[in-house]
Amino acid sequence: MAKNNFRGMPGGMNQMAMMKQAQKMQQELLRMQEEQENKTYSATAGGGMVTASVNGKHELTDLQINPEAVDPDDVDMLQDMVIAAVNEAMRAADADAANNMSRLTGGLNLGGLF
């Protein structure tokens, strides 16, 4: 005779434990996302001539340009330094988010599930 999982509910208890674990993971994910959004990530370019800061929402929050970096005859170089600093700060924010997600999921690749 086949076992009925509904009577003793061994499978049901497993499901309840999984649901509790999923809810706990979701709460932790929301906490980490909020924490991530409030962090600031900074990066420099041009040997420190340009410093860009972004938050976890990928918003540029600060941009410092050393006056020595301002050369009216070479605006392209300044533009490149600004772009490089902003992009590096964004990469730092992304790397931190990926690291936090990896810690939360125990290294499982959930393929964009979250």
Protein backbone atom coordinates (compact mmCIF):
# COMPACT_ATOMS: atom_id res chain seq x y z
CA MET A 1 0.00 0.00 0.00
CA ALA A 2 1.37 3.42 -0.93
CA LYS A 3 2.12 5.88 1.85
CA ASN A 4 -0.21 8.80 2.11
CA ASN A 5 1.73 11.99 2.80
CA PHE A 6 -1.40 13.84 3.88
CA ARG A 7 -2.14 11.85 7.04
CA GLY A 8 1.21 11.99 8.80
CA MET A 9 2.18 15.08 6.81
CA PRO A 10 5.91 14.37 6.62
CA GLY A 11 6.00 16.12 3.25
CA GLY A 12 3.76 18.88 4.57
CA MET A 13 6.12 19.69 7.41
CA ASN A 14 8.96 19.87 4.94
CA GLN A 15 6.98 22.34 2.86
CA MET A 16 6.21 24.47 5.90
CA ALA A 17 9.89 24.56 6.83
CA MET A 18 10.77 25.52 3.25
CA MET A 19 8.15 28.29 3.28
CA LYS A 20 9.51 29.67 6.56
CA GLN A 21 13.03 29.56 5.14
CA ALA A 22 11.87 31.34 1.97
CA GLN A 23 10.13 34.05 4.02
CA LYS A 24 13.24 34.49 6.15
CA MET A 25 15.36 34.76 3.00
CA GLN A 26 12.98 37.32 1.51
CA GLN A 27 13.10 39.45 4.67
CA GLU A 28 16.89 39.26 4.68
CA LEU A 29 16.96 40.21 0.99
CA LEU A 30 14.81 43.28 1.63
CA ARG A 31 17.03 44.30 4.55
CA MET A 32 20.16 43.88 2.41
CA GLN A 33 18.63 45.86 -0.47
CA GLU A 34 17.77 48.74 1.85
CA GLU A 35 21.25 48.64 3.36
CA GLN A 36 22.77 48.54 -0.15
CA GLU A 37 20.77 51.57 -1.28
CA ASN A 38 22.10 53.60 1.66
CA LYS A 39 25.76 52.78 1.06
CA THR A 40 28.13 55.05 -0.83
CA TYR A 41 30.76 53.76 -3.24
CA SER A 42 33.60 55.97 -4.38
CA ALA A 43 36.27 55.58 -7.04
CA THR A 44 39.00 57.75 -8.46
CA ALA A 45 40.53 58.21 -11.89
CA GLY A 46 43.48 60.10 -13.30
CA GLY A 47 45.65 59.44 -10.28
CA GLY A 48 43.09 60.92 -7.92
CA MET A 49 42.25 63.93 -10.08
CA VAL A 50 38.58 62.88 -10.27
CA THR A 51 36.57 61.17 -7.53
CA ALA A 52 33.02 59.96 -8.11
CA SER A 53 30.62 58.63 -5.50
CA VAL A 54 27.44 56.69 -6.16
CA ASN A 55 24.86 55.13 -3.90
CA GLY A 56 23.45 51.62 -4.07
CA LYS A 57 20.67 52.87 -6.34
CA HIS A 58 23.31 53.78 -8.95
CA GLU A 59 22.78 57.50 -8.48
CA LEU A 60 25.78 59.81 -8.73
CA THR A 61 25.88 61.56 -5.35
CA ASP A 62 29.19 63.41 -5.47
CA LEU A 63 31.80 64.39 -8.02
CA GLN A 64 35.11 65.98 -7.03
CA ILE A 65 37.42 67.37 -9.71
CA ASN A 66 40.87 68.60 -8.79
CA PRO A 67 41.35 72.04 -10.37
CA GLU A 68 44.64 70.81 -11.84
CA ALA A 69 42.64 68.37 -13.97
CA VAL A 70 40.85 71.21 -15.73
CA ASP A 71 42.70 71.96 -18.93
CA PRO A 72 40.62 73.96 -21.44
CA ASP A 73 42.78 72.53 -24.23
CA ASP A 74 42.09 68.92 -23.19
CA VAL A 75 38.44 68.66 -22.13
CA ASP A 76 38.32 65.13 -23.55
CA MET A 77 40.77 63.89 -20.93
CA LEU A 78 38.64 65.32 -18.12
CA GLN A 79 35.51 63.77 -19.58
CA ASP A 80 37.25 60.40 -19.82
CA MET A 81 38.39 60.62 -16.17
CA VAL A 82 34.85 61.46 -15.02
CA ILE A 83 33.40 58.55 -16.97
CA ALA A 84 36.07 56.17 -15.66
CA ALA A 85 35.53 57.20 -12.04
CA VAL A 86 31.74 56.94 -12.26
CA ASN A 87 31.90 53.55 -13.98
CA GLU A 88 34.34 52.19 -11.40
CA ALA A 89 32.12 53.37 -8.54
CA MET A 90 29.14 51.66 -10.21
CA ARG A 91 31.15 48.44 -10.55
CA ALA A 92 32.01 48.62 -6.84
CA ALA A 93 28.30 48.94 -5.99
CA ASP A 94 27.45 46.00 -8.26
CA ALA A 95 30.22 43.84 -6.80
CA ASP A 96 29.03 44.55 -3.27
CA ALA A 97 25.44 43.69 -4.22
CA ALA A 98 26.57 40.44 -5.87
CA ASN A 99 28.66 39.56 -2.82
CA ASN A 100 25.70 40.18 -0.51
CA MET A 101 23.41 38.07 -2.71
CA SER A 102 25.94 35.25 -2.75
CA ARG A 103 26.11 35.32 1.05
CA LEU A 104 22.30 35.28 1.26
CA THR A 105 21.83 32.38 -1.15
CA GLY A 106 24.79 30.38 0.07
CA GLY A 107 26.47 30.67 -3.32
CA LEU A 108 23.50 29.28 -5.26
CA ASN A 109 23.03 30.82 -8.69
CA LEU A 110 19.33 31.62 -8.79
CA GLY A 111 19.54 33.11 -12.27
CA GLY A 112 17.93 36.49 -11.65
CA LEU A 113 15.21 35.09 -9.41
CA PHE A 114 15.80 37.98 -7.02
